[in-house]
Each structure stands twice: as structure tokens, then as C-alpha cells.
Protein backbone atom coordinates (compact mmCIF):
# COMPACT_ATOMS: atom_id res chain seq x y z
CA MET A 1 0.00 0.00 0.00
CA LYS A 2 1.49 3.28 -1.08
CA ASN A 3 1.92 6.20 1.28
CA GLN A 4 -0.98 8.64 1.45
CA ILE A 5 -1.24 12.22 2.61
CA TYR A 6 -4.58 11.65 4.27
CA ILE A 7 -5.47 9.66 7.37
CA ALA A 8 -8.62 8.43 9.05
CA THR A 9 -8.77 11.62 11.10
CA ILE A 10 -9.89 13.50 7.99
CA THR A 11 -13.22 11.74 7.87
CA ALA A 12 -14.02 12.51 11.48
CA LEU A 13 -12.78 16.07 11.17
CA VAL A 14 -14.79 16.83 8.07
CA LEU A 15 -17.94 15.19 9.38
CA LEU A 16 -17.80 16.76 12.83
CA LEU A 17 -16.14 20.12 12.45
CA PHE A 18 -16.98 20.99 8.88
CA ALA A 19 -20.46 19.55 8.60
CA SER A 20 -21.85 22.44 6.60
CA SER A 21 -22.05 22.02 2.83
CA CYS A 22 -23.74 23.68 -0.10
CA GLN A 23 -27.50 23.41 -0.18
CA LYS A 24 -30.02 23.93 -2.92
CA ASP A 25 -31.91 26.53 -0.90
CA ASP A 26 -29.06 28.50 0.65
CA GLY A 27 -25.79 30.03 -0.44
CA PHE A 28 -22.49 28.49 0.53
CA LEU A 29 -20.79 31.67 1.66
CA ASP A 30 -23.64 32.46 4.03
CA LYS A 31 -23.09 29.33 6.09
CA SER A 32 -21.30 28.73 9.36
CA PRO A 33 -19.86 25.34 10.32
CA ASN A 34 -21.58 23.22 12.88
CA GLY A 35 -20.62 20.07 14.68
CA VAL A 36 -19.22 18.57 17.84
CA LEU A 37 -15.65 19.79 17.51
CA SER A 38 -14.87 23.48 17.69
CA THR A 39 -11.91 25.77 17.17
CA SER A 40 -11.64 26.21 20.93
CA ASN A 41 -11.00 22.54 21.67
CA PHE A 42 -9.43 21.15 18.54
CA TYR A 43 -6.37 23.19 17.49
CA LYS A 44 -4.11 22.22 20.36
CA THR A 45 -1.47 19.75 19.16
CA ALA A 46 0.80 18.98 16.23
CA GLU A 47 -1.49 16.07 15.42
CA ASP A 48 -4.43 18.47 15.23
CA ALA A 49 -2.48 20.69 12.85
CA GLU A 50 -1.61 17.72 10.64
CA ALA A 51 -5.23 16.56 10.55
CA ALA A 52 -6.44 20.05 9.68
CA ALA A 53 -3.94 20.28 6.82
CA ASN A 54 -4.98 16.87 5.53
CA ALA A 55 -8.63 17.92 5.68
CA ALA A 56 -7.83 20.84 3.39
CA TYR A 57 -6.93 18.30 0.69
CA SER A 58 -10.17 16.35 1.18
CA ILE A 59 -12.15 18.52 -1.25
CA LEU A 60 -10.09 16.98 -4.06
CA HIS A 61 -11.66 13.60 -3.28
CA ASP A 62 -15.26 14.73 -3.63
CA PHE A 63 -17.17 12.95 -6.40
CA TRP A 64 -17.60 16.09 -8.50
CA MET A 65 -14.03 17.21 -7.92
CA LYS A 66 -12.86 13.86 -9.23
CA SER A 67 -14.87 14.39 -12.41
CA ILE A 68 -14.05 18.09 -12.79
CA ALA A 69 -11.46 17.37 -15.49
CA PHE A 70 -14.05 15.19 -17.26
CA LYS A 71 -16.35 18.20 -17.15
CA LYS A 72 -13.55 20.44 -18.43
CA ASP A 73 -12.96 18.17 -21.44
CA ILE A 74 -16.54 18.00 -22.64
CA ILE A 75 -16.76 21.79 -22.81
CA SER A 76 -13.91 21.73 -25.32
CA ASP A 77 -13.61 20.34 -28.83
CA ASP A 78 -11.70 17.33 -27.48
CA ALA A 79 -14.64 15.27 -26.20
CA VAL A 80 -18.36 14.84 -25.77
CA LYS A 81 -20.04 13.62 -22.62
CA GLY A 82 -21.16 10.21 -23.90
CA GLN A 83 -23.35 7.67 -22.10
CA GLY A 84 -26.65 9.03 -23.35
CA VAL A 85 -28.84 10.34 -20.53
CA ASP A 86 -26.60 9.08 -17.74
CA LEU A 87 -25.08 11.94 -15.72
CA ALA A 88 -27.61 14.21 -17.42
CA ALA A 89 -26.52 16.96 -15.02
CA LEU A 90 -23.50 17.44 -17.29
CA THR A 91 -25.52 17.87 -20.48
CA ASN A 92 -25.49 21.66 -20.25
CA PHE A 93 -21.72 21.60 -19.99
CA ASP A 94 -21.49 19.29 -22.98
CA ASN A 95 -23.58 21.77 -24.98
CA LEU A 96 -21.75 24.86 -23.65
CA ASN A 97 -25.13 25.97 -22.37
CA PHE A 98 -24.06 26.95 -18.85
CA SER A 99 -26.88 27.93 -16.53
CA ALA A 100 -26.93 29.91 -13.29
CA THR A 101 -29.44 27.40 -11.90
CA ASP A 102 -27.35 24.35 -12.81
CA GLY A 103 -26.77 22.17 -9.76
CA VAL A 104 -23.33 21.04 -10.94
CA ASN A 105 -22.26 24.66 -11.31
CA GLN A 106 -23.46 25.39 -7.78
CA THR A 107 -21.61 22.34 -6.47
CA ILE A 108 -18.34 23.34 -8.13
CA TRP A 109 -18.55 26.84 -6.64
CA GLY A 110 -19.47 25.53 -3.21
CA LEU A 111 -16.80 22.85 -3.05
CA TYR A 112 -13.98 25.22 -3.95
CA PHE A 113 -15.13 27.70 -1.32
CA LYS A 114 -15.42 24.91 1.20
CA GLY A 115 -11.82 24.01 0.39
CA ILE A 116 -10.85 27.64 0.92
CA TYR A 117 -12.63 27.60 4.27
CA LEU A 118 -10.67 24.52 5.34
CA CYS A 119 -7.42 26.23 4.33
CA ASN A 120 -8.40 29.35 6.26
CA LEU A 121 -8.96 27.30 9.40
CA VAL A 122 -5.38 26.03 9.13
CA LEU A 123 -4.01 29.52 8.53
CA ASP A 124 -6.09 31.04 11.34
CA TYR A 125 -5.32 28.53 14.10
CA VAL A 126 -2.19 26.49 13.38
CA PRO A 127 0.18 29.47 13.93
CA ASP A 128 -0.75 29.46 17.65
CA ILE A 129 -0.02 25.75 18.18
CA GLU A 130 3.25 24.95 19.96
CA MET A 131 4.98 22.45 17.69
CA ASP A 132 8.07 21.86 15.61
CA GLN A 133 8.61 25.06 13.60
CA ALA A 134 9.68 23.34 10.38
CA LYS A 135 6.60 21.14 10.41
CA LYS A 136 4.39 24.13 11.18
CA GLU A 137 5.81 26.04 8.23
CA ARG A 138 5.23 23.05 5.96
CA ILE A 139 1.60 22.77 7.07
CA LEU A 140 1.01 26.49 6.59
CA GLY A 141 2.70 26.31 3.20
CA GLU A 142 0.37 23.52 2.14
CA ALA A 143 -2.64 25.58 3.18
CA TYR A 144 -1.39 28.61 1.24
CA PHE A 145 -0.81 26.43 -1.83
CA LEU A 146 -4.22 24.79 -1.64
CA ARG A 147 -5.96 28.12 -1.11
CA GLY A 148 -4.17 29.41 -4.20
CA PHE A 149 -5.09 26.23 -6.08
CA TYR A 150 -8.77 26.52 -5.18
CA TYR A 151 -8.90 30.20 -6.06
CA TYR A 152 -7.08 29.50 -9.34
CA ASN A 153 -9.80 27.05 -10.27
CA LEU A 154 -12.46 29.58 -9.36
CA VAL A 155 -11.03 32.53 -11.26
CA ILE A 156 -10.55 30.64 -14.54
CA ARG A 157 -14.23 29.67 -14.36
CA TYR A 158 -15.95 32.68 -12.80
CA GLY A 159 -13.56 35.63 -13.09
CA GLY A 160 -13.29 37.76 -9.98
CA VAL A 161 -14.81 36.13 -6.89
CA PRO A 162 -15.11 37.02 -3.19
CA ILE A 163 -11.76 36.86 -1.42
CA MET A 164 -12.14 34.97 1.86
CA SER A 165 -8.85 35.16 3.75
CA THR A 166 -9.99 34.24 7.28
CA THR A 167 -12.73 32.46 9.20
CA LYS A 168 -12.61 35.01 12.01
CA ASN A 169 -15.35 37.62 11.77
CA ALA A 170 -15.60 36.88 8.06
CA GLU A 171 -18.07 38.85 5.97
CA LYS A 172 -21.08 36.63 5.28
CA THR A 173 -22.18 38.43 2.14
CA PRO A 174 -18.90 39.53 0.58
CA ALA A 175 -18.73 41.41 -2.68
CA ARG A 176 -16.82 40.07 -5.66
CA ALA A 177 -13.24 41.13 -5.99
CA THR A 178 -12.09 42.16 -9.44
CA ARG A 179 -10.43 39.56 -11.59
CA GLU A 180 -7.14 41.42 -11.14
CA ALA A 181 -7.45 41.42 -7.36
CA THR A 182 -8.32 37.71 -7.36
CA TRP A 183 -5.26 36.89 -9.45
CA ALA A 184 -3.12 39.04 -7.16
CA PHE A 185 -4.41 37.10 -4.14
CA ILE A 186 -3.58 33.82 -5.89
CA GLU A 187 -0.05 35.00 -6.64
CA GLU A 188 0.39 36.10 -3.03
CA ASN A 189 -0.70 32.69 -1.73
CA LEU A 190 1.50 30.73 -4.13
CA THR A 191 4.53 32.92 -3.52
CA THR A 192 4.09 32.54 0.24
CA ALA A 193 3.65 28.78 -0.16
CA ALA A 194 6.83 28.54 -2.22
CA GLY A 195 8.73 30.33 0.53
CA LEU A 196 7.52 27.93 3.21
CA LEU A 197 7.51 24.56 1.44
CA PRO A 198 10.44 22.24 0.71
CA TRP A 199 11.28 20.93 -2.73
CA LYS A 200 9.95 17.52 -3.68
CA ASN A 201 13.29 15.79 -3.04
CA GLN A 202 13.37 17.19 0.49
CA TYR A 203 10.26 15.25 1.48
CA SER A 204 10.52 11.80 3.00
CA ALA A 205 8.96 8.88 1.15
CA ALA A 206 6.05 8.96 3.60
CA GLU A 207 5.32 12.58 2.64
CA HIS A 208 5.29 12.18 -1.14
CA GLY A 209 2.17 13.67 -2.63
CA ARG A 210 2.04 16.74 -0.43
CA ALA A 211 2.18 20.14 -2.05
CA ASP A 212 5.75 21.39 -2.35
CA LYS A 213 7.75 24.32 -3.66
CA GLY A 214 7.72 22.96 -7.22
CA ALA A 215 3.92 22.69 -7.28
CA SER A 216 3.63 26.24 -5.96
CA MET A 217 6.00 27.67 -8.57
CA ALA A 218 4.41 25.70 -11.40
CA LEU A 219 0.92 26.91 -10.51
CA LEU A 220 2.29 30.43 -10.14
CA GLY A 221 3.64 30.11 -13.67
CA ASN A 222 0.20 29.03 -14.88
CA ALA A 223 -1.42 31.98 -13.10
CA CYS A 224 1.00 34.42 -14.72
CA LEU A 225 0.45 32.82 -18.12
CA PHE A 226 -3.29 33.48 -17.83
CA GLN A 227 -2.56 37.13 -17.03
CA GLU A 228 -0.05 37.49 -19.88
CA LYS A 229 2.69 38.30 -17.36
CA TRP A 230 5.22 36.60 -19.55
CA GLN A 231 8.42 37.35 -17.65
CA ASP A 232 6.93 36.31 -14.31
CA ALA A 233 5.64 33.10 -15.86
CA PHE A 234 9.03 32.42 -17.47
CA ASP A 235 10.83 32.96 -14.15
CA ALA A 236 8.44 30.74 -12.18
CA TYR A 237 8.68 27.86 -14.64
CA LYS A 238 12.45 28.29 -14.88
CA ALA A 239 12.76 27.79 -11.11
CA VAL A 240 10.91 24.48 -11.41
CA ILE A 241 13.00 23.34 -14.37
CA GLU A 242 16.32 24.29 -12.76
CA SER A 243 15.44 22.66 -9.42
CA GLY A 244 16.45 19.26 -10.73
CA ASN A 245 13.40 17.65 -9.15
CA TYR A 246 11.59 16.75 -12.35
CA SER A 247 12.13 15.10 -15.70
CA LEU A 248 10.05 13.56 -18.46
CA LEU A 249 9.41 9.84 -18.24
CA ASN A 250 11.09 7.99 -21.09
CA ASN A 251 7.83 6.50 -22.34
CA PHE A 252 4.70 8.63 -22.69
CA GLY A 253 2.59 5.52 -22.18
CA ASP A 254 3.91 5.10 -18.62
CA ILE A 255 2.73 8.48 -17.33
CA PHE A 256 -0.73 7.40 -16.28
CA LYS A 257 0.15 3.99 -14.91
CA PRO A 258 -0.27 3.58 -11.14
CA GLU A 259 3.42 2.77 -10.73
CA SER A 260 4.23 6.28 -11.99
CA ASP A 261 2.24 8.00 -9.23
CA ASN A 262 4.29 10.77 -7.61
CA GLY A 263 7.12 9.98 -10.00
CA VAL A 264 9.68 12.18 -11.75
CA GLU A 265 7.09 13.81 -14.01
CA SER A 266 4.64 14.48 -11.21
CA VAL A 267 4.35 18.07 -10.00
CA PHE A 268 1.02 17.80 -8.20
CA GLU A 269 -1.46 14.94 -8.03
CA THR A 270 -4.68 14.16 -6.22
CA GLN A 271 -3.81 11.18 -4.04
CA PHE A 272 -6.00 8.08 -3.99
CA LYS A 273 -5.87 4.69 -2.35
CA GLY A 274 -7.18 1.39 -3.55
CA GLY A 275 -7.79 -1.89 -1.80
CA GLU A 276 -10.78 -4.09 -1.24
CA GLU A 277 -12.71 -1.71 0.99
CA PHE A 278 -14.19 0.15 -1.94
CA SER A 279 -16.36 3.22 -1.48
CA TYR A 280 -16.46 6.78 -2.74
CA GLY A 281 -15.06 7.84 0.62
CA ASN A 282 -12.18 5.44 0.17
CA GLY A 283 -10.94 7.73 -2.54
CA PHE A 284 -11.05 5.77 -5.79
CA ASN A 285 -10.09 7.70 -8.89
CA PHE A 286 -13.31 8.37 -10.82
CA TRP A 287 -11.25 8.71 -13.98
CA VAL A 288 -10.34 5.03 -14.02
CA ARG A 289 -13.76 3.43 -14.01
CA PRO A 290 -15.72 5.38 -16.64
CA ARG A 291 -12.78 5.41 -19.00
CA ASN A 292 -11.37 1.92 -18.55
CA GLY A 293 -11.35 -0.07 -21.74
CA SER A 294 -13.31 -3.13 -20.70
CA THR A 295 -16.88 -3.82 -21.76
CA ILE A 296 -17.31 -5.28 -18.30
CA PHE A 297 -16.67 -2.11 -16.33
CA GLY A 298 -16.06 0.71 -18.82
CA LEU A 299 -18.87 3.27 -18.70
CA GLY A 300 -18.34 5.21 -21.89
CA PHE A 301 -17.98 8.77 -20.60
CA CYS A 302 -15.78 11.48 -22.08
CA MET A 303 -15.75 10.23 -25.65
CA PRO A 304 -12.90 11.72 -27.74
CA THR A 305 -13.83 13.54 -30.94
CA GLN A 306 -12.55 12.97 -34.44
CA ASP A 307 -11.40 16.59 -34.37
CA LEU A 308 -8.99 15.70 -31.57
CA VAL A 309 -7.78 12.58 -33.35
CA ASP A 310 -7.12 14.59 -36.50
CA GLU A 311 -4.87 16.96 -34.52
CA PHE A 312 -2.26 14.26 -33.98
CA GLU A 313 0.52 14.05 -36.55
CA GLU A 314 0.87 10.84 -38.49
CA GLY A 315 2.51 8.15 -36.40
CA ASP A 316 2.38 10.11 -33.13
CA PRO A 317 2.50 7.36 -30.44
CA ARG A 318 0.62 9.61 -28.03
CA LEU A 319 -2.60 8.99 -29.95
CA ARG A 320 -2.85 5.31 -29.02
CA TYR A 321 -2.33 6.13 -25.34
CA THR A 322 -4.87 8.94 -25.45
CA VAL A 323 -7.69 7.51 -27.57
CA ILE A 324 -8.99 3.93 -27.69
CA ARG A 325 -10.34 2.98 -31.10
CA GLU A 326 -11.94 -0.10 -32.59
CA GLY A 327 -9.53 -2.99 -32.71
CA ASP A 328 -7.34 -1.82 -29.83
CA ILE A 329 -6.64 -4.51 -27.23
CA ILE A 330 -7.37 -3.38 -23.69
CA SER A 331 -7.49 -5.66 -20.66
CA GLU A 332 -7.27 -8.79 -22.84
CA GLU A 333 -10.21 -7.68 -24.97
CA VAL A 334 -10.29 -6.51 -28.55
CA LYS A 335 -12.21 -3.26 -28.49
CA ASP A 336 -15.39 -3.66 -30.52
CA PHE A 337 -17.61 -0.58 -30.60
CA PRO A 338 -20.08 0.04 -29.29
CA PHE A 339 -19.10 -1.47 -25.93
CA GLN A 340 -22.70 -2.42 -25.40
CA ALA A 341 -25.79 -0.64 -26.72
CA ALA A 342 -26.36 0.88 -23.29
CA TRP A 343 -23.01 2.68 -23.31
CA ALA A 344 -23.83 4.67 -26.45
CA PRO A 345 -20.32 5.89 -27.31
CA GLU A 346 -21.36 8.69 -29.64
CA THR A 347 -17.98 9.09 -31.33
CA GLY A 348 -17.04 5.42 -31.58
CA MET A 349 -13.91 6.04 -29.50
CA SER A 350 -13.03 5.94 -25.83
CA TYR A 351 -10.68 7.72 -23.47
CA GLY A 352 -7.26 6.07 -23.21
CA LYS A 353 -5.40 7.76 -20.35
CA TYR A 354 -5.84 6.20 -16.90
CA VAL A 355 -6.88 2.87 -18.37
CA VAL A 356 -5.76 0.13 -15.99
CA ASP A 357 -4.79 -3.22 -17.49
CA VAL A 358 -6.66 -5.57 -15.18
CA PRO A 359 -8.21 -8.94 -16.04
CA VAL A 360 -11.69 -8.93 -17.53
CA GLY A 361 -14.23 -8.57 -14.74
CA GLY A 362 -11.68 -6.99 -12.42
CA ASN A 363 -12.35 -3.88 -10.37
CA ALA A 364 -10.30 -1.20 -12.06
CA GLU A 365 -11.64 1.48 -9.79
CA ARG A 366 -10.07 -0.25 -6.80
CA HIS A 367 -6.66 0.08 -8.34
CA GLU A 368 -4.37 2.66 -6.77
CA GLN A 369 -3.95 5.45 -9.26
CA ASN A 370 -3.60 9.18 -8.70
CA LEU A 371 -5.23 11.95 -10.72
CA LYS A 372 -2.61 14.15 -12.38
CA GLN A 373 -3.19 17.85 -11.75
CA ILE A 374 0.13 19.33 -12.95
CA ARG A 375 2.89 17.37 -14.66
CA TYR A 376 6.31 18.41 -15.80
CA ALA A 377 5.40 18.41 -19.50
CA GLU A 378 2.90 21.19 -18.76
CA VAL A 379 5.66 23.17 -17.06
CA LEU A 380 7.89 22.81 -20.13
CA LEU A 381 5.08 23.87 -22.45
CA GLY A 382 4.23 26.86 -20.26
CA TYR A 383 7.90 27.85 -20.21
CA ALA A 384 8.05 27.53 -24.00
CA GLU A 385 4.99 29.76 -24.40
CA ALA A 386 6.37 32.41 -22.05
CA ALA A 387 9.74 32.28 -23.82
CA PHE A 388 8.03 32.71 -27.20
CA ARG A 389 6.08 35.72 -25.95
CA LEU A 390 9.35 37.25 -24.75
CA GLY A 391 10.98 36.71 -28.13
CA ASN A 392 13.24 33.92 -26.91
CA THR A 393 12.62 31.58 -29.81
CA GLY A 394 15.56 29.32 -29.01
CA GLU A 395 14.34 28.45 -25.53
CA ALA A 396 10.79 27.92 -26.76
CA VAL A 397 11.87 25.56 -29.52
CA ALA A 398 14.22 23.64 -27.23
CA LYS A 399 11.53 22.88 -24.68
CA ILE A 400 8.92 21.90 -27.27
CA ASN A 401 11.45 19.59 -28.86
CA LEU A 402 12.02 17.87 -25.51
CA ILE A 403 8.30 17.02 -25.49
CA ARG A 404 8.38 15.79 -29.09
CA GLN A 405 11.55 13.76 -28.58
CA ARG A 406 10.01 11.93 -25.64
CA ALA A 407 6.84 11.32 -27.63
CA ARG A 408 8.59 9.75 -30.63
CA GLY A 409 10.64 7.43 -28.43
CA GLY A 410 13.68 7.18 -30.68
CA ASN A 411 11.72 6.79 -33.93
CA THR A 412 13.38 9.44 -36.10
CA GLY A 413 10.80 8.97 -38.84
CA ILE A 414 8.07 10.81 -36.92
CA LEU A 415 7.58 14.05 -35.01
CA PRO A 416 10.62 15.90 -36.34
CA ASP A 417 12.20 18.58 -34.18
CA LEU A 418 11.04 22.14 -34.72
CA THR A 419 13.64 24.42 -36.29
CA GLY A 420 12.25 27.80 -35.22
CA SER A 421 11.19 28.74 -38.72
CA GLU A 422 7.64 27.47 -38.14
CA ASP A 423 4.63 29.45 -36.95
CA LEU A 424 5.74 28.97 -33.36
CA PHE A 425 2.48 30.04 -31.74
CA ALA A 426 0.58 27.51 -33.85
CA ALA A 427 3.16 24.89 -32.85
CA ILE A 428 2.59 25.68 -29.16
CA VAL A 429 -1.20 25.46 -29.57
CA HIS A 430 -0.81 22.13 -31.33
CA GLU A 431 1.68 20.63 -28.89
CA ARG A 432 -0.36 21.59 -25.83
CA ARG A 433 -3.44 20.00 -27.35
CA VAL A 434 -1.90 16.64 -28.21
CA GLU A 435 0.39 16.35 -25.18
CA LEU A 436 -2.24 17.39 -22.62
CA ALA A 437 -5.24 15.98 -24.48
CA LEU A 438 -8.18 15.09 -22.25
CA GLU A 439 -6.43 16.38 -19.15
CA GLY A 440 -8.88 19.26 -18.76
CA LYS A 441 -6.71 22.07 -20.13
CA ARG A 442 -8.03 22.73 -23.65
CA TYR A 443 -11.10 24.93 -23.00
CA PHE A 444 -9.28 27.34 -20.72
CA ASP A 445 -6.33 27.51 -23.12
CA LEU A 446 -8.64 28.47 -25.98
CA VAL A 447 -10.32 31.15 -23.89
CA ARG A 448 -7.07 32.75 -22.74
CA TRP A 449 -5.61 32.62 -26.27
CA GLY A 450 -8.70 34.29 -27.73
CA LEU A 451 -9.35 31.25 -29.92
CA ALA A 452 -12.59 30.05 -28.31
CA VAL A 453 -14.89 31.64 -30.88
CA GLN A 454 -12.86 30.18 -33.74
CA GLU A 455 -12.61 26.66 -32.31
CA LEU A 456 -15.78 26.35 -30.23
CA GLY A 457 -18.22 28.69 -31.97
CA SER A 458 -19.91 25.89 -33.90
CA LEU A 459 -20.26 23.92 -30.65
CA GLY A 460 -22.30 26.61 -28.90
CA TYR A 461 -19.67 28.93 -27.42
CA GLN A 462 -21.19 32.34 -26.62
CA PRO A 463 -18.56 35.10 -26.77
CA ALA A 464 -20.70 37.52 -24.74
CA ARG A 465 -20.02 35.31 -21.73
CA GLN A 466 -16.25 35.76 -22.13
CA GLY A 467 -15.64 32.09 -21.46
CA LEU A 468 -16.95 32.31 -17.89
CA TYR A 469 -19.41 30.15 -16.01
CA PRO A 470 -22.41 31.87 -14.41
CA ILE A 471 -22.34 32.86 -10.76
CA PRO A 472 -24.74 30.30 -9.22
CA GLN A 473 -28.25 31.65 -8.79
CA THR A 474 -28.42 30.28 -5.24
CA GLU A 475 -25.49 32.54 -4.34
CA LEU A 476 -27.01 35.57 -6.05
CA ASP A 477 -30.28 34.98 -4.19
CA VAL A 478 -28.72 35.14 -0.73
CA ASN A 479 -25.89 37.60 -1.32
CA PRO A 480 -26.96 41.02 -2.60
CA ASN A 481 -23.30 41.98 -2.97
CA LEU A 482 -22.67 39.46 -5.74
CA THR A 483 -23.16 40.41 -9.37
CA PRO A 484 -23.82 38.08 -12.34
CA ASN A 485 -21.24 37.38 -15.00
CA PRO A 486 -21.70 39.00 -18.43
CA GLY A 487 -24.09 37.28 -20.77
CA TYR A 488 -26.21 35.68 -18.04
């Protein structure tokens, strides 16, 4: 059994101390926690601090958080929802018809703010606990990182949102911050986290999977990329690259295997555990089961599009690891579409990443496998984009070529190196799509590049909405200080 960052204390802590959750008839930000435990009798020991930090990660294990990247893919041109009427709550996302009354939208908003609340509890109360200073700084650094991570995921969806920096005397009906102020808060959190956290190689084996300095700097680079702060993005990514903590795996096909969890290409992952005691609370990776290749337990969600397949260059090995097509052999079966009539794979193809090669009839979802949030290839591609924007063509080409060289695996007949004479922006757009395909990045890339109308217009993209989700109606109903997003 691999090491995990969470312990049994999380369940008790979340259930007892953080019992409040989003409701259909009330806004999340207008809630106060209830339960048996309280801040006056819990935050006393180093063990309490550790449990509180672990609880701040627990949002990542929620059912909808596990399928967030699935949701992010079907709003792009890379995939459709699949599975007919099953998970009908995601149909509006599939059709780019976001609604302020959509329950999934409300859940996403509420869960990220709940995660922020859990981080704020750590940052409010752990500083006063008498404990080892180095461990305290690590715990605080994790909370700063996670708060930045949760806000990052909010701002790319909703734009400026309320900034909640404390649980003490917090405003119950806060106004929205501007998008600029929200990004500034994210940068502040990630910079602080980077100053407190160790590098990945400074963690013990038992601590692998925790947020570290590299994750903080990588996410800071992403945040700066979204804001077109090219030099800041370049510098943040460069720190990760020069740390010596990361490298590309030799074989692209190994990235999403369980044995590669927390490996050399991992920058930040959601940690899961397997075993026979299966339950949602046990933390299985939702990505494995709906996308596994077997007709026995594959569910046929997140069906890749032909448009995505056509993006791959001839002979690119990444395609066969990304998309399962008729005739492919998965888990001892020859893939014959449709899986079964009930699965209704609209595109005739299935998702390939995270497929676990288990015997037919096996329980793939019980297999230990983490969900990749940030990997080193994304850092290299972000660095290349920032370098290109700064006019440093040589650095941009060099990093893209590292990605292409790994992909071709020694086969010099495919994926030739870039020379720098190409349309480099188009090359970056292409390489990000095929390398990070179906990892939930495409839609937000298109929006920030200004390409969403061009690429998603025929799929229902509405430019008046500026690529943003609606502020949930339940929040608008209870908080007069919130304002709707444009186009809603």
C-alpha cells in the first residue's frame, strides 16, 4: 500500500467540524460550520495541525471534484459527454449551455469555497499551536498552496470572486473582488507557499504527494500565463526546471500507470488509495472506471472527438495512449464498438489515459492510481509559451522539442524537431493539445488565447459570456453583494 497524505482523522474532522455544505436553498458563503468539535477545543497539538492540513486536501476527493477534469474536457472540442442520458446533469456543460441554476455549477462553486474555508482554518489557528517550527511552516505552506489552487480554479471559471482570507469575523455576504485582485491574491498565496515549502526531493517517502515548492512555482507560472505576465511566468517555470526535481518519463505511455504515481514527471497529483474496501469515501479515482477499456466495467464517458484525433501528426504514439479505437486490445479484450448498446459511445472512440490493465471482470476502480493535476510536461510547455512571448525563440523551440523527442521514443521517422522557422504560436497550440489531451486544459487555453470563438463557436460557445461560467443563482439569491457574470 502506497503512502498517502490523508489519514482516518480527515473523515471525522470533516464530518464533525466541517459539517456544513452547499445546499439547494441556501448560499455556501452564508453558512457557518456546525458540529461537535470546535476551534476552541481542537487546534491544540501537532497532530491536530496535521489533521487540519490533511482535511484541506479532502475537497479533491469529492465525487464532483474527481470528475471536474471530465467536465472540463466535454466543454472543449476534445470530447463529448457520452453515455446518453446518464449523468444528465452534465448535459449543459457538454452543450456549452451553462446555466446559473445548474446544480453542478453550484456544487463546483461551493466545493472550492469549502476548500478555501478549510485552508483558512489552518491559517487562522495552526500558527498558535506549539509544535516543531519546520513542520508548522510546511503545514502552513500547504494551506497557502491549496488556497491558491482553489482560487485559481475559481477565477478561470468565474472571473473575480469574493476573497475569503480568514474564518474570524468573516463577511457573510462579501462582494466580488475584481479579476485582477483575485489573481493578485492567488499569486500572493503561491509565492508565500513557495517560501515555506520544501522541494519535492526534500520530502521523505512517507510525505510524497504533499504540495511542495515545485507545485507552488508551477501553478504560479500558470497563473502568470493566464494574465499574460510573460516574464513572471518564465521565471516561475524556470525555477521548477532548474530545481532538478523533475524530468520527463522515457515513455509517454507510462505516465498514467499507477506505478508512476508521484514519479519524476509528477508536480502535483490528487492522491487516492485502492484496496478491497471500496467506497467513494475510500478515494477511488473516478477517472479510471468510466474510462477503462473493458466492456465489463467501462462506462463510456468522455468520448474523444474525431477533431482531436485529427490533430495528432501521423505516427504520433501519443494517440494510441490517449484515444482507444476499434480494434485496440485493452485488458485482454479486442475493443469492438459500441461497448454495449447501453453505453452509447457517440464518437465510436473511448478515453485512453488512466486505463488500468486488469483482467476482464476486475475492479479497475479499486486500483491505486492518482489523478494528475500538474505534470512536468505542462511546465515545459508553459515555459516555452512564455519564452516565445518574450521573443526567446531558441528556448521555446528547445523545450517543445524535448516534449516531441520523448513522444517519438527514438523513432526518427516521426515528429521531427522544430527548427524555429515554423509558426511557433501555432506549434505551441498544437503541442499543448496533443500532449495534454483530455487532461482538462483545452477549453481554458482556448479562452485565454482568444481562440474560443474560432474553435468552439460551432459547438455553442457564446462570446458575450467571455468564457466564464455563471455565478450560481443560489449565491445571487442570498448575497446582494454578488453580481452576475456578463451574458447571463
